[in-house]
PDB file of N, CA and C in Angstrom:
ATOM      1  N   MET A   1      14.970 -20.762   4.516  1.00  0.00           N
ATOM      2  CA  MET A   1      13.777 -20.543   3.625  1.00  0.00           C
ATOM      3  C   MET A   1      14.012 -19.771   2.358  1.00  0.00           C
ATOM      4  N   GLY A   2      13.711 -20.176   1.244  1.00  0.00           N
ATOM      5  CA  GLY A   2      13.838 -19.554   0.034  1.00  0.00           C
ATOM      6  C   GLY A   2      12.595 -19.321  -0.723  1.00  0.00           C
ATOM      7  N   LEU A   3      12.752 -18.408  -1.744  1.00  0.00           N
ATOM      8  CA  LEU A   3      11.591 -18.059  -2.644  1.00  0.00           C
ATOM      9  C   LEU A   3      11.828 -18.696  -3.850  1.00  0.00           C
ATOM     10  N   CYS A   4      10.901 -19.096  -4.518  1.00  0.00           N
ATOM     11  CA  CYS A   4      10.841 -19.458  -5.891  1.00  0.00           C
ATOM     12  C   CYS A   4      10.120 -18.649  -6.758  1.00  0.00           C
ATOM     13  N   ALA A   5      10.439 -18.389  -7.969  1.00  0.00           N
ATOM     14  CA  ALA A   5       9.852 -17.548  -8.859  1.00  0.00           C
ATOM     15  C   ALA A   5       9.930 -18.279 -10.340  1.00  0.00           C
ATOM     16  N   SER A   6       8.833 -18.066 -11.012  1.00  0.00           N
ATOM     17  CA  SER A   6       8.711 -18.520 -12.328  1.00  0.00           C
ATOM     18  C   SER A   6       8.780 -17.374 -13.308  1.00  0.00           C
ATOM     19  N   CYS A   7       9.305 -17.773 -14.334  1.00  0.00           N
ATOM     20  CA  CYS A   7       9.370 -16.407 -15.511  1.00  0.00           C
ATOM     21  C   CYS A   7       8.139 -16.815 -16.570  1.00  0.00           C
ATOM     22  N   HIS A   8       7.291 -17.759 -16.203  1.00  0.00           N
ATOM     23  CA  HIS A   8       6.238 -18.077 -17.136  1.00  0.00           C
ATOM     24  C   HIS A   8       4.840 -17.279 -16.682  1.00  0.00           C
ATOM     25  N   CYS A   9       4.075 -16.517 -17.486  1.00  0.00           N
ATOM     26  CA  CYS A   9       2.938 -15.899 -17.120  1.00  0.00           C
ATOM     27  C   CYS A   9       1.811 -16.345 -17.989  1.00  0.00           C
ATOM     28  N   THR A  10       0.767 -16.508 -17.302  1.00  0.00           N
ATOM     29  CA  THR A  10      -0.401 -16.801 -18.170  1.00  0.00           C
ATOM     30  C   THR A  10      -1.065 -15.644 -18.680  1.00  0.00           C
ATOM     31  N   THR A  11      -1.938 -15.486 -19.629  1.00  0.00           N
ATOM     32  CA  THR A  11      -2.525 -14.234 -20.018  1.00  0.00           C
ATOM     33  C   THR A  11      -3.252 -13.384 -18.981  1.00  0.00           C
ATOM     34  N   LYS A  12      -3.859 -14.094 -18.054  1.00  0.00           N
ATOM     35  CA  LYS A  12      -4.610 -13.426 -16.856  1.00  0.00           C
ATOM     36  C   LYS A  12      -3.441 -12.658 -16.038  1.00  0.00           C
ATOM     37  N   GLN A  13      -2.352 -13.483 -15.773  1.00  0.00           N
ATOM     38  CA  GLN A  13      -1.317 -12.949 -14.974  1.00  0.00           C
ATOM     39  C   GLN A  13      -0.671 -11.632 -15.614  1.00  0.00           C
ATOM     40  N   ARG A  14      -0.616 -11.742 -17.083  1.00  0.00           N
ATOM     41  CA  ARG A  14       0.150 -10.716 -17.649  1.00  0.00           C
ATOM     42  C   ARG A  14      -0.887  -9.464 -17.633  1.00  0.00           C
ATOM     43  N   GLY A  15      -2.149  -9.497 -17.873  1.00  0.00           N
ATOM     44  CA  GLY A  15      -3.066  -8.400 -17.738  1.00  0.00           C
ATOM     45  C   GLY A  15      -3.056  -7.863 -16.179  1.00  0.00           C
ATOM     46  N   LEU A  16      -2.857  -8.813 -15.404  1.00  0.00           N
ATOM     47  CA  LEU A  16      -2.847  -8.149 -14.009  1.00  0.00           C
ATOM     48  C   LEU A  16      -1.562  -7.488 -13.744  1.00  0.00           C
ATOM     49  N   MET A  17      -0.436  -7.881 -14.282  1.00  0.00           N
ATOM     50  CA  MET A  17       0.739  -7.161 -14.169  1.00  0.00           C
ATOM     51  C   MET A  17       0.840  -5.798 -14.798  1.00  0.00           C
ATOM     52  N   ASN A  18       0.252  -5.809 -16.089  1.00  0.00           N
ATOM     53  CA  ASN A  18      -0.078  -4.548 -16.641  1.00  0.00           C
ATOM     54  C   ASN A  18      -0.923  -3.705 -15.960  1.00  0.00           C
ATOM     55  N   ASN A  19      -2.053  -4.205 -15.287  1.00  0.00           N
ATOM     56  CA  ASN A  19      -2.715  -3.254 -14.505  1.00  0.00           C
ATOM     57  C   ASN A  19      -2.182  -2.794 -13.180  1.00  0.00           C
ATOM     58  N   TRP A  20      -1.296  -3.648 -12.831  1.00  0.00           N
ATOM     59  CA  TRP A  20      -0.516  -3.368 -11.546  1.00  0.00           C
ATOM     60  C   TRP A  20       0.285  -2.215 -11.641  1.00  0.00           C
ATOM     61  N   SER A  21       0.928  -2.051 -12.654  1.00  0.00           N
ATOM     62  CA  SER A  21       1.755  -0.770 -12.822  1.00  0.00           C
ATOM     63  C   SER A  21       1.002   0.453 -13.392  1.00  0.00           C
ATOM     64  N   SER A  22      -0.085   0.356 -13.792  1.00  0.00           N
ATOM     65  CA  SER A  22      -0.738   1.459 -14.318  1.00  0.00           C
ATOM     66  C   SER A  22      -1.633   2.296 -13.277  1.00  0.00           C
ATOM     67  N   THR A  23      -1.632   1.848 -12.093  1.00  0.00           N
ATOM     68  CA  THR A  23      -2.157   2.630 -11.029  1.00  0.00           C
ATOM     69  C   THR A  23      -1.496   2.767  -9.791  1.00  0.00           C
ATOM     70  N   VAL A  24      -1.916   3.725  -8.935  1.00  0.00           N
ATOM     71  CA  VAL A  24      -1.518   3.978  -7.604  1.00  0.00           C
ATOM     72  C   VAL A  24      -2.598   3.259  -6.826  1.00  0.00           C
ATOM     73  N   LYS A  25      -1.957   2.522  -5.874  1.00  0.00           N
ATOM     74  CA  LYS A  25      -2.914   1.770  -4.934  1.00  0.00           C
ATOM     75  C   LYS A  25      -2.833   2.148  -3.477  1.00  0.00           C
ATOM     76  N   VAL A  26      -3.837   2.609  -2.853  1.00  0.00           N
ATOM     77  CA  VAL A  26      -3.862   3.005  -1.575  1.00  0.00           C
ATOM     78  C   VAL A  26      -4.799   2.065  -0.789  1.00  0.00           C
ATOM     79  N   ILE A  27      -4.379   1.472   0.291  1.00  0.00           N
ATOM     80  CA  ILE A  27      -5.211   0.569   1.100  1.00  0.00           C
ATOM     81  C   ILE A  27      -5.346   1.149   2.405  1.00  0.00           C
ATOM     82  N   ASN A  28      -6.522   1.181   2.953  1.00  0.00           N
ATOM     83  CA  ASN A  28      -6.863   1.736   4.187  1.00  0.00           C
ATOM     84  C   ASN A  28      -6.487   0.600   5.263  1.00  0.00           C
ATOM     85  N   SER A  29      -5.659   0.831   6.163  1.00  0.00           N
ATOM     86  CA  SER A  29      -5.235   0.020   7.093  1.00  0.00           C
ATOM     87  C   SER A  29      -6.450  -0.410   8.052  1.00  0.00           C
ATOM     88  N   GLY A  30      -7.395   0.382   8.330  1.00  0.00           N
ATOM     89  CA  GLY A  30      -8.470   0.179   9.270  1.00  0.00           C
ATOM     90  C   GLY A  30      -9.454  -0.885   8.597  1.00  0.00           C
ATOM     91  N   ASP A  31     -10.101  -0.646   7.488  1.00  0.00           N
ATOM     92  CA  ASP A  31     -11.020  -1.584   6.891  1.00  0.00           C
ATOM     93  C   ASP A  31     -10.519  -2.287   5.608  1.00  0.00           C
ATOM     94  N   GLY A  32      -9.233  -2.018   5.163  1.00  0.00           N
ATOM     95  CA  GLY A  32      -8.859  -2.838   3.984  1.00  0.00           C
ATOM     96  C   GLY A  32      -9.436  -2.393   2.646  1.00  0.00           C
ATOM     97  N   ARG A  33      -9.871  -1.347   2.700  1.00  0.00           N
ATOM     98  CA  ARG A  33     -10.655  -0.656   1.440  1.00  0.00           C
ATOM     99  C   ARG A  33      -9.489  -0.209   0.628  1.00  0.00           C
ATOM    100  N   LEU A  34      -9.657  -0.583  -0.838  1.00  0.00           N
ATOM    101  CA  LEU A  34      -8.650  -0.194  -1.740  1.00  0.00           C
ATOM    102  C   LEU A  34      -9.153   0.945  -2.523  1.00  0.00           C
ATOM    103  N   GLN A  35      -8.173   2.079  -2.759  1.00  0.00           N
ATOM    104  CA  GLN A  35      -8.473   3.078  -3.661  1.00  0.00           C
ATOM    105  C   GLN A  35      -7.376   3.091  -4.861  1.00  0.00           C
ATOM    106  N   GLU A  36      -7.856   3.199  -6.070  1.00  0.00           N
ATOM    107  CA  GLU A  36      -6.903   3.265  -7.045  1.00  0.00           C
ATOM    108  C   GLU A  36      -6.865   4.594  -7.842  1.00  0.00           C
ATOM    109  N   PHE A  37      -5.612   5.153  -8.217  1.00  0.00           N
ATOM    110  CA  PHE A  37      -5.725   6.168  -9.119  1.00  0.00           C
ATOM    111  C   PHE A  37      -4.894   5.836 -10.289  1.00  0.00           C
ATOM    112  N   ARG A  38      -5.449   6.403 -11.476  1.00  0.00           N
ATOM    113  CA  ARG A  38      -4.908   6.120 -12.774  1.00  0.00           C
ATOM    114  C   ARG A  38      -3.783   7.150 -13.182  1.00  0.00           C
ATOM    115  N   GLN A  39      -3.505   8.057 -12.261  1.00  0.00           N
ATOM    116  CA  GLN A  39      -2.456   8.926 -12.585  1.00  0.00           C
ATOM    117  C   GLN A  39      -1.780   9.180 -11.260  1.00  0.00           C
ATOM    118  N   PRO A  40      -0.483   9.666 -11.265  1.00  0.00           N
ATOM    119  CA  PRO A  40       0.159  10.053 -10.100  1.00  0.00           C
ATOM    120  C   PRO A  40      -0.857  11.057  -9.378  1.00  0.00           C
ATOM    121  N   ILE A  41      -0.835  11.044  -7.872  1.00  0.00           N
ATOM    122  CA  ILE A  41      -1.656  11.961  -7.219  1.00  0.00           C
ATOM    123  C   ILE A  41      -0.656  12.371  -6.032  1.00  0.00           C
ATOM    124  N   MET A  42      -0.799  13.606  -5.405  1.00  0.00           N
ATOM    125  CA  MET A  42      -0.152  14.142  -4.433  1.00  0.00           C
ATOM    126  C   MET A  42      -0.882  13.515  -3.012  1.00  0.00           C
ATOM    127  N   ALA A  43       0.079  13.189  -2.074  1.00  0.00           N
ATOM    128  CA  ALA A  43      -0.311  12.494  -0.701  1.00  0.00           C
ATOM    129  C   ALA A  43      -1.192  13.440  -0.114  1.00  0.00           C
ATOM    130  N   SER A  44      -1.022  14.686  -0.294  1.00  0.00           N
ATOM    131  CA  SER A  44      -2.098  15.686   0.453  1.00  0.00           C
ATOM    132  C   SER A  44      -3.430  15.580  -0.020  1.00  0.00           C
ATOM    133  N   HIS A  45      -3.609  15.302  -1.395  1.00  0.00           N
ATOM    134  CA  HIS A  45      -5.000  15.040  -1.993  1.00  0.00           C
ATOM    135  C   HIS A  45      -5.665  13.772  -1.278  1.00  0.00           C
ATOM    136  N   VAL A  46      -4.841  12.801  -1.253  1.00  0.00           N
ATOM    137  CA  VAL A  46      -5.280  11.406  -0.712  1.00  0.00           C
ATOM    138  C   VAL A  46      -5.732  11.765   0.758  1.00  0.00           C
ATOM    139  N   LEU A  47      -4.982  12.418   1.527  1.00  0.00           N
ATOM    140  CA  LEU A  47      -5.070  12.561   3.021  1.00  0.00           C
ATOM    141  C   LEU A  47      -6.203  13.681   3.294  1.00  0.00           C
ATOM    142  N   SER A  48      -6.591  14.523   2.227  1.00  0.00           N
ATOM    143  CA  SER A  48      -7.453  15.540   2.565  1.00  0.00           C
ATOM    144  C   SER A  48      -8.842  15.137   3.254  1.00  0.00           C
ATOM    145  N   GLY A  49      -9.328  14.007   3.005  1.00  0.00           N
ATOM    146  CA  GLY A  49     -10.555  13.541   3.574  1.00  0.00           C
ATOM    147  C   GLY A  49     -10.252  12.599   4.888  1.00  0.00           C
ATOM    148  N   HIS A  50      -8.823  12.533   5.362  1.00  0.00           N
ATOM    149  CA  HIS A  50      -8.586  11.708   6.520  1.00  0.00           C
ATOM    150  C   HIS A  50      -7.631  12.700   7.306  1.00  0.00           C
ATOM    151  N   PRO A  51      -8.128  13.366   8.233  1.00  0.00           N
ATOM    152  CA  PRO A  51      -7.372  14.354   8.974  1.00  0.00           C
ATOM    153  C   PRO A  51      -6.590  13.478  10.147  1.00  0.00           C
ATOM    154  N   THR A  52      -6.930  12.397  10.469  1.00  0.00           N
ATOM    155  CA  THR A  52      -6.309  11.629  11.590  1.00  0.00           C
ATOM    156  C   THR A  52      -5.503  10.595  11.050  1.00  0.00           C
ATOM    157  N   ALA A  53      -4.925  10.718   9.755  1.00  0.00           N
ATOM    158  CA  ALA A  53      -4.285   9.569   9.151  1.00  0.00           C
ATOM    159  C   ALA A  53      -3.169  10.183   8.419  1.00  0.00           C
ATOM    160  N   PHE A  54      -2.036   9.222   8.110  1.00  0.00           N
ATOM    161  CA  PHE A  54      -0.990   9.416   7.394  1.00  0.00           C
ATOM    162  C   PHE A  54      -0.757   8.240   6.372  1.00  0.00           C
ATOM    163  N   LEU A  55      -0.044   8.631   5.347  1.00  0.00           N
ATOM    164  CA  LEU A  55       0.259   7.710   4.400  1.00  0.00           C
ATOM    165  C   LEU A  55       1.865   7.298   4.377  1.00  0.00           C
ATOM    166  N   CYS A  56       1.943   6.082   4.169  1.00  0.00           N
ATOM    167  CA  CYS A  56       3.212   5.497   4.055  1.00  0.00           C
ATOM    168  C   CYS A  56       3.350   4.446   2.861  1.00  0.00           C
ATOM    169  N   SER A  57       4.479   4.351   2.261  1.00  0.00           N
ATOM    170  CA  SER A  57       4.759   3.460   1.312  1.00  0.00           C
ATOM    171  C   SER A  57       4.984   1.912   1.789  1.00  0.00           C
ATOM    172  N   SER A  58       4.464   1.008   1.002  1.00  0.00           N
ATOM    173  CA  SER A  58       4.731  -0.184   1.527  1.00  0.00           C
ATOM    174  C   SER A  58       6.141  -0.750   1.583  1.00  0.00           C
ATOM    175  N   ASP A  59       7.097  -0.031   0.743  1.00  0.00           N
ATOM    176  CA  ASP A  59       8.287  -0.282   0.655  1.00  0.00           C
ATOM    177  C   ASP A  59       9.129   0.191   1.715  1.00  0.00           C
ATOM    178  N   THR A  60       8.521   1.065   2.653  1.00  0.00           N
ATOM    179  CA  THR A  60       9.400   1.578   3.970  1.00  0.00           C
ATOM    180  C   THR A  60       8.747   1.047   5.137  1.00  0.00           C
ATOM    181  N   MET A  61       8.076   0.041   5.113  1.00  0.00           N
ATOM    182  CA  MET A  61       7.513  -0.647   6.375  1.00  0.00           C
ATOM    183  C   MET A  61       8.363  -1.725   6.812  1.00  0.00           C
ATOM    184  N   PHE A  62       8.943  -1.642   8.052  1.00  0.00           N
ATOM    185  CA  PHE A  62       9.848  -2.841   8.607  1.00  0.00           C
ATOM    186  C   PHE A  62       9.566  -3.025   9.961  1.00  0.00           C
ATOM    187  N   VAL A  63       9.580  -4.357  10.293  1.00  0.00           N
ATOM    188  CA  VAL A  63       9.277  -4.878  11.891  1.00  0.00           C
ATOM    189  C   VAL A  63      10.237  -4.159  12.593  1.00  0.00           C
ATOM    190  N   GLY A  64       9.590  -3.529  13.740  1.00  0.00           N
ATOM    191  CA  GLY A  64      10.643  -2.893  14.830  1.00  0.00           C
ATOM    192  C   GLY A  64      11.038  -1.559  14.372  1.00  0.00           C
ATOM    193  N   CYS A  65      10.561  -0.964  13.356  1.00  0.00           N
ATOM    194  CA  CYS A  65      10.892   0.427  12.906  1.00  0.00           C
ATOM    195  C   CYS A  65       9.604   1.221  12.972  1.00  0.00           C
ATOM    196  N   HIS A  66       9.788   2.581  13.297  1.00  0.00           N
ATOM    197  CA  HIS A  66       8.672   3.414  13.026  1.00  0.00           C
ATOM    198  C   HIS A  66       8.143   3.543  11.592  1.00  0.00           C
ATOM    199  N   VAL A  67       7.055   3.642  11.377  1.00  0.00           N
ATOM    200  CA  VAL A  67       6.665   3.844   9.971  1.00  0.00           C
ATOM    201  C   VAL A  67       6.697   5.283   9.409  1.00  0.00           C
ATOM    202  N   PRO A  68       7.578   5.500   8.424  1.00  0.00           N
ATOM    203  CA  PRO A  68       7.799   6.864   8.033  1.00  0.00           C
ATOM    204  C   PRO A  68       6.567   7.576   7.296  1.00  0.00           C
ATOM    205  N   GLN A  69       6.221   8.703   7.642  1.00  0.00           N
ATOM    206  CA  GLN A  69       5.025   9.349   7.012  1.00  0.00           C
ATOM    207  C   GLN A  69       5.415  10.047   5.840  1.00  0.00           C
ATOM    208  N   MET A  70       4.615   9.962   4.947  1.00  0.00           N
ATOM    209  CA  MET A  70       4.805  10.527   3.354  1.00  0.00           C
ATOM    210  C   MET A  70       4.666  12.082   3.627  1.00  0.00           C
ATOM    211  N   PRO A  71       5.544  13.049   3.201  1.00  0.00           N
ATOM    212  CA  PRO A  71       4.976  14.306   3.299  1.00  0.00           C
ATOM    213  C   PRO A  71       3.964  14.659   2.281  1.00  0.00           C
ATOM    214  N   GLY A  72       3.098  15.552   2.772  1.00  0.00           N
ATOM    215  CA  GLY A  72       1.788  15.927   1.860  1.00  0.00           C
ATOM    216  C   GLY A  72       2.323  16.433   0.397  1.00  0.00           C
ATOM    217  N   ASN A  73       3.415  16.916   0.219  1.00  0.00           N
ATOM    218  CA  ASN A  73       3.884  17.466  -1.179  1.00  0.00           C
ATOM    219  C   ASN A  73       4.429  16.355  -2.091  1.00  0.00           C
ATOM    220  N   GLU A  74       4.584  15.134  -1.424  1.00  0.00           N
ATOM    221  CA  GLU A  74       5.000  13.885  -2.289  1.00  0.00           C
ATOM    222  C   GLU A  74       4.055  13.457  -3.118  1.00  0.00           C
ATOM    223  N   GLU A  75       4.476  13.127  -4.403  1.00  0.00           N
ATOM    224  CA  GLU A  75       3.710  12.460  -5.507  1.00  0.00           C
ATOM    225  C   GLU A  75       3.663  10.795  -5.152  1.00  0.00           C
ATOM    226  N   LEU A  76       2.678  10.348  -5.088  1.00  0.00           N
ATOM    227  CA  LEU A  76       2.513   8.972  -5.044  1.00  0.00           C
ATOM    228  C   LEU A  76       2.842   8.192  -6.540  1.00  0.00           C
ATOM    229  N   GLN A  77       3.561   7.258  -6.578  1.00  0.00           N
ATOM    230  CA  GLN A  77       4.122   6.686  -7.744  1.00  0.00           C
ATOM    231  C   GLN A  77       3.259   5.624  -8.254  1.00  0.00           C
ATOM    232  N   MET A  78       3.108   5.640  -9.567  1.00  0.00           N
ATOM    233  CA  MET A  78       2.408   4.293 -10.155  1.00  0.00           C
ATOM    234  C   MET A  78       3.052   3.020 -10.012  1.00  0.00           C
ATOM    235  N   GLY A  79       2.282   2.008  -9.865  1.00  0.00           N
ATOM    236  CA  GLY A  79       2.696   0.810  -9.522  1.00  0.00           C
ATOM    237  C   GLY A  79       2.946   0.435  -8.149  1.00  0.00           C
ATOM    238  N   GLN A  80       2.995   1.535  -7.166  1.00  0.00           N
ATOM    239  CA  GLN A  80       3.217   1.345  -5.766  1.00  0.00           C
ATOM    240  C   GLN A  80       2.077   1.115  -4.879  1.00  0.00           C
ATOM    241  N   ILE A  81       2.329   0.431  -3.640  1.00  0.00           N
ATOM    242  CA  ILE A  81       1.245   0.311  -2.781  1.00  0.00           C
ATOM    243  C   ILE A  81       1.555   1.118  -1.756  1.00  0.00           C
ATOM    244  N   TYR A  82       0.424   2.006  -1.170  1.00  0.00           N
ATOM    245  CA  TYR A  82       0.452   2.775  -0.005  1.00  0.00           C
ATOM    246  C   TYR A  82      -0.495   2.304   1.101  1.00  0.00           C
ATOM    247  N   PHE A  83      -0.130   2.738   2.284  1.00  0.00           N
ATOM    248  CA  PHE A  83      -1.287   2.493   3.226  1.00  0.00           C
ATOM    249  C   PHE A  83      -1.667   3.639   3.914  1.00  0.00           C
ATOM    250  N   LEU A  84      -2.811   3.786   3.979  1.00  0.00           N
ATOM    251  CA  LEU A  84      -3.467   4.901   5.052  1.00  0.00           C
ATOM    252  C   LEU A  84      -3.610   4.494   6.421  1.00  0.00           C
ATOM    253  N   MET A  85      -2.776   5.035   7.186  1.00  0.00           N
ATOM    254  CA  MET A  85      -2.638   4.610   8.640  1.00  0.00           C
ATOM    255  C   MET A  85      -3.163   5.684   9.638  1.00  0.00           C
ATOM    256  N   PRO A  86      -3.823   5.190  10.840  1.00  0.00           N
ATOM    257  CA  PRO A  86      -4.043   6.112  11.881  1.00  0.00           C
ATOM    258  C   PRO A  86      -2.809   6.730  12.375  1.00  0.00           C
ATOM    259  N   LEU A  87      -2.820   8.104  12.568  1.00  0.00           N
ATOM    260  CA  LEU A  87      -1.729   8.914  13.265  1.00  0.00           C
ATOM    261  C   LEU A  87      -1.199   8.207  14.556  1.00  0.00           C
ATOM    262  N   SER A  88      -2.090   7.465  15.241  1.00  0.00           N
ATOM    263  CA  SER A  88      -1.722   6.705  16.673  1.00  0.00           C
ATOM    264  C   SER A  88      -0.699   5.747  16.250  1.00  0.00           C
ATOM    265  N   ASN A  89      -0.665   5.315  14.882  1.00  0.00           N
ATOM    266  CA  ASN A  89       0.454   4.194  14.676  1.00  0.00           C
ATOM    267  C   ASN A  89       1.779   4.770  14.439  1.00  0.00           C
ATOM    268  N   SER A  90       1.806   6.027  14.411  1.00  0.00           N
ATOM    269  CA  SER A  90       3.190   6.449  14.041  1.00  0.00           C
ATOM    270  C   SER A  90       4.064   6.710  15.350  1.00  0.00           C
ATOM    271  N   ASN A  91       3.340   6.491  16.533  1.00  0.00           N
ATOM    272  CA  ASN A  91       4.096   6.604  17.944  1.00  0.00           C
ATOM    273  C   ASN A  91       4.661   5.422  18.267  1.00  0.00           C
ATOM    274  N   HIS A  92       4.750   4.329  17.600  1.00  0.00           N
ATOM    275  CA  HIS A  92       5.465   3.068  18.034  1.00  0.00           C
ATOM    276  C   HIS A  92       5.810   2.311  16.786  1.00  0.00           C
ATOM    277  N   PRO A  93       6.885   1.558  17.091  1.00  0.00           N
ATOM    278  CA  PRO A  93       7.461   0.699  15.993  1.00  0.00           C
ATOM    279  C   PRO A  93       6.461  -0.321  15.577  1.00  0.00           C
ATOM    280  N   LEU A  94       6.730  -0.743  14.328  1.00  0.00           N
ATOM    281  CA  LEU A  94       5.616  -1.648  13.704  1.00  0.00           C
ATOM    282  C   LEU A  94       6.104  -3.103  14.103  1.00  0.00           C
ATOM    283  N   SER A  95       5.080  -3.687  14.673  1.00  0.00           N
ATOM    284  CA  SER A  95       5.165  -5.096  15.091  1.00  0.00           C
ATOM    285  C   SER A  95       4.948  -5.996  13.923  1.00  0.00           C
ATOM    286  N   LEU A  96       5.536  -7.357  14.260  1.00  0.00           N
ATOM    287  CA  LEU A  96       5.317  -8.436  13.096  1.00  0.00           C
ATOM    288  C   LEU A  96       3.855  -8.571  13.098  1.00  0.00           C
ATOM    289  N   GLN A  97       3.041  -8.560  14.056  1.00  0.00           N
ATOM    290  CA  GLN A  97       1.599  -8.898  13.919  1.00  0.00           C
ATOM    291  C   GLN A  97       0.924  -7.802  13.150  1.00  0.00           C
ATOM    292  N   GLU A  98       1.273  -6.687  13.366  1.00  0.00           N
ATOM    293  CA  GLU A  98       0.670  -5.456  12.566  1.00  0.00           C
ATOM    294  C   GLU A  98       1.066  -5.546  11.035  1.00  0.00           C
ATOM    295  N   LEU A  99       2.402  -5.798  10.875  1.00  0.00           N
ATOM    296  CA  LEU A  99       2.779  -5.998   9.461  1.00  0.00           C
ATOM    297  C   LEU A  99       1.964  -7.226   8.666  1.00  0.00           C
ATOM    298  N   CYS A 100       1.920  -8.256   9.514  1.00  0.00           N
ATOM    299  CA  CYS A 100       1.057  -9.560   8.993  1.00  0.00           C
ATOM    300  C   CYS A 100      -0.369  -9.087   8.566  1.00  0.00           C
ATOM    301  N   SER A 101      -0.926  -8.371   9.448  1.00  0.00           N
ATOM    302  CA  SER A 101      -2.351  -7.881   9.374  1.00  0.00           C
ATOM    303  C   SER A 101      -2.429  -6.915   8.148  1.00  0.00           C
ATOM    304  N   LEU A 102      -1.496  -6.065   7.865  1.00  0.00           N
ATOM    305  CA  LEU A 102      -1.341  -5.300   6.698  1.00  0.00           C
ATOM    306  C   LEU A 102      -1.260  -6.058   5.417  1.00  0.00           C
ATOM    307  N   ALA A 103      -0.463  -7.028   5.491  1.00  0.00           N
ATOM    308  CA  ALA A 103      -0.224  -7.940   4.302  1.00  0.00           C
ATOM    309  C   ALA A 103      -1.442  -8.784   3.934  1.00  0.00           C
ATOM    310  N   VAL A 104      -2.094  -9.077   4.922  1.00  0.00           N
ATOM    311  CA  VAL A 104      -3.369  -9.888   4.755  1.00  0.00           C
ATOM    312  C   VAL A 104      -4.460  -8.971   4.187  1.00  0.00           C
ATOM    313  N   LYS A 105      -4.621  -7.814   4.531  1.00  0.00           N
ATOM    314  CA  LYS A 105      -5.505  -6.618   4.070  1.00  0.00           C
ATOM    315  C   LYS A 105      -5.163  -6.305   2.661  1.00  0.00           C
ATOM    316  N   ALA A 106      -3.980  -6.231   2.405  1.00  0.00           N
ATOM    317  CA  ALA A 106      -3.524  -5.875   1.114  1.00  0.00           C
ATOM    318  C   ALA A 106      -3.871  -6.980   0.174  1.00  0.00           C
ATOM    319  N   GLY A 107      -3.580  -8.117   0.644  1.00  0.00           N
ATOM    320  CA  GLY A 107      -3.793  -9.444  -0.289  1.00  0.00           C
ATOM    321  C   GLY A 107      -5.111  -9.468  -0.629  1.00  0.00           C
ATOM    322  N   SER A 108      -6.013  -9.253   0.233  1.00  0.00           N
ATOM    323  CA  SER A 108      -7.503  -9.339  -0.009  1.00  0.00           C
ATOM    324  C   SER A 108      -7.970  -8.226  -0.802  1.00  0.00           C
ATOM    325  N   ALA A 109      -7.473  -7.151  -0.704  1.00  0.00           N
ATOM    326  CA  ALA A 109      -7.920  -5.890  -1.452  1.00  0.00           C
ATOM    327  C   ALA A 109      -7.425  -6.112  -2.917  1.00  0.00           C
ATOM    328  N   LEU A 110      -6.247  -6.548  -3.079  1.00  0.00           N
ATOM    329  CA  LEU A 110      -5.768  -6.871  -4.415  1.00  0.00           C
ATOM    330  C   LEU A 110      -6.415  -7.925  -5.130  1.00  0.00           C
ATOM    331  N   GLN A 111      -6.714  -8.883  -4.231  1.00  0.00           N
ATOM    332  CA  GLN A 111      -7.381 -10.179  -4.939  1.00  0.00           C
ATOM    333  C   GLN A 111      -8.803  -9.811  -5.499  1.00  0.00           C
ATOM    334  N   THR A 112      -9.368  -8.995  -4.758  1.00  0.00           N
ATOM    335  CA  THR A 112     -10.771  -8.628  -5.209  1.00  0.00           C
ATOM    336  C   THR A 112     -10.895  -7.810  -6.313  1.00  0.00           C
ATOM    337  N   GLU A 113      -9.711  -6.962  -6.551  1.00  0.00           N
ATOM    338  CA  GLU A 113      -9.733  -6.072  -7.855  1.00  0.00           C
ATOM    339  C   GLU A 113      -9.453  -6.756  -9.084  1.00  0.00           C
ATOM    340  N   VAL A 114      -8.980  -8.218  -8.865  1.00  0.00           N
ATOM    341  CA  VAL A 114      -8.748  -8.799 -10.231  1.00  0.00           C
ATOM    342  C   VAL A 114     -10.240  -9.395 -10.695  1.00  0.00           C
TER     343      VAL A 114
END
């Protein structure tokens, strides 16, 4: 299986790519809601309203592995996608079904922001 990419962008795509890197994106894994921050923000600030949740970077999520929790003193980076996950999800390895579900929620959330 291979991936194909094009180097040609339409004006709409260029605008989306500029917007993509200009915000921190946090997706609630429960309801798929998207929060965007226009400047870097501390993980503890995002978590302050969610005592039974943790944050993880989409870059650190792999099937069959435990999802690493971001420390509260870590700064969320511009252009990155993070998931707000229930603490109960930190007790078991991420399944393919769970990862696919998160990908669908992220796709829907990001689609509706355009």
